[in-house]
Protein backbone atom coordinates (compact mmCIF):
# COMPACT_ATOMS: atom_id res chain seq x y z
CA MET A 1 -99.58 -99.84 193.92
CA LYS A 2 -98.18 -100.00 196.89
CA ASN A 3 -94.48 -98.23 195.76
CA TYR A 4 -96.11 -95.97 194.13
CA ASN A 5 -98.31 -95.08 197.29
CA GLN A 6 -95.16 -94.99 199.56
CA ASP A 7 -92.47 -92.43 196.40
CA ASN A 8 -95.79 -90.25 196.31
CA GLU A 9 -95.64 -90.12 200.15
CA ALA A 10 -92.02 -89.64 200.56
CA ARG A 11 -91.31 -86.56 197.76
CA ILE A 12 -94.82 -84.80 199.63
CA ILE A 13 -92.97 -85.50 203.37
CA THR A 14 -89.98 -84.69 201.33
CA ASN A 15 -91.01 -80.54 199.44
CA ALA A 16 -93.11 -80.16 202.38
CA LEU A 17 -89.65 -80.55 204.48
CA LEU A 18 -87.41 -77.92 202.39
CA LYS A 19 -90.18 -75.92 202.09
CA ALA A 20 -90.17 -74.91 205.95
CA VAL A 21 -86.10 -75.21 205.77
CA ILE A 22 -86.23 -72.34 203.04
CA ALA A 23 -89.29 -70.70 205.51
CA ILE A 24 -86.78 -70.90 208.75
CA SER A 25 -84.21 -69.37 206.52
CA VAL A 26 -85.58 -66.11 205.79
CA CYS A 27 -87.11 -65.63 208.81
CA VAL A 28 -83.81 -65.74 210.19
CA MET A 29 -81.95 -63.46 207.40
CA LEU A 30 -84.43 -60.89 207.50
CA ALA A 31 -84.19 -61.27 211.47
CA PHE A 32 -80.61 -60.25 210.66
CA GLY A 33 -81.12 -57.72 208.37
CA LEU A 34 -82.81 -55.89 210.44
CA HIS A 35 -81.10 -55.34 213.70
CA SER A 36 -78.52 -55.03 211.85
CA CYS A 37 -80.15 -51.46 210.75
CA GLU A 38 -80.12 -49.95 214.16
CA LEU A 39 -79.11 -46.60 214.89
CA ASP A 40 -78.10 -46.34 218.21
CA SER A 41 -77.40 -42.95 220.73
CA ASP A 42 -73.61 -44.16 220.66
CA THR A 43 -72.75 -43.98 216.78
CA VAL A 44 -75.21 -41.09 216.79
CA ALA A 45 -72.91 -39.59 219.43
CA ASP A 46 -69.56 -40.78 217.92
CA CYS A 47 -69.92 -39.16 214.85
CA ARG A 48 -71.45 -35.44 216.10
CA ASP A 49 -68.00 -35.35 218.36
CA ALA A 50 -65.86 -36.51 214.99
CA CYS A 51 -67.65 -33.43 212.55
CA GLU A 52 -68.16 -30.87 215.62
CA SER A 53 -65.51 -28.39 215.08
CA SER A 54 -65.88 -24.63 214.02
CA SER A 55 -65.71 -25.63 210.92
CA THR A 56 -67.81 -28.58 210.39
CA GLN A 57 -71.16 -29.56 211.62
CA MET A 58 -72.23 -33.78 211.72
CA GLN A 59 -74.98 -34.32 208.54
CA SER A 60 -76.11 -36.98 208.36
CA VAL A 61 -76.01 -40.76 210.32
CA THR A 62 -76.54 -44.23 209.57
CA PRO A 63 -74.91 -47.37 211.25
CA TYR A 64 -72.15 -47.93 208.37
CA LYS A 65 -71.53 -43.74 207.77
CA CYS A 66 -71.21 -41.02 208.88
CA VAL A 67 -71.10 -37.48 206.97
CA CYS A 68 -69.65 -34.02 208.03
CA ILE A 69 -70.51 -30.57 206.25
CA GLU A 70 -68.71 -27.18 206.59
CA ASN A 71 -70.46 -24.98 208.13
CA ASN A 72 -71.34 -22.02 206.14
CA VAL A 73 -73.59 -24.44 203.57
CA SER A 74 -76.77 -22.64 203.77
CA PRO A 75 -78.91 -25.36 204.94
CA SER A 76 -82.10 -26.25 202.84
CA PRO A 77 -84.89 -24.49 202.34
CA TRP A 78 -87.18 -27.13 202.99
CA VAL A 79 -85.52 -28.31 206.77
CA ILE A 80 -87.13 -26.23 209.75
CA ASN A 81 -84.38 -25.09 212.39
């Protein structure tokens, strides 16, 4: 009977430790994922400078992509200028 209780205790402790490691890993991955989504003002300024010319302007910017459009494209009627 003593051997069964020790095995059961070891299994419970192992499961608890495994769940804790998984929970901590998920939290760390979420923290890194949220941090990488930040958009700083330098990125916006760099995109604006890259797109700014007589024929193009900045349309959108993300931490990973800068999109330029031609100036002669009419703006969306849903955007208030």
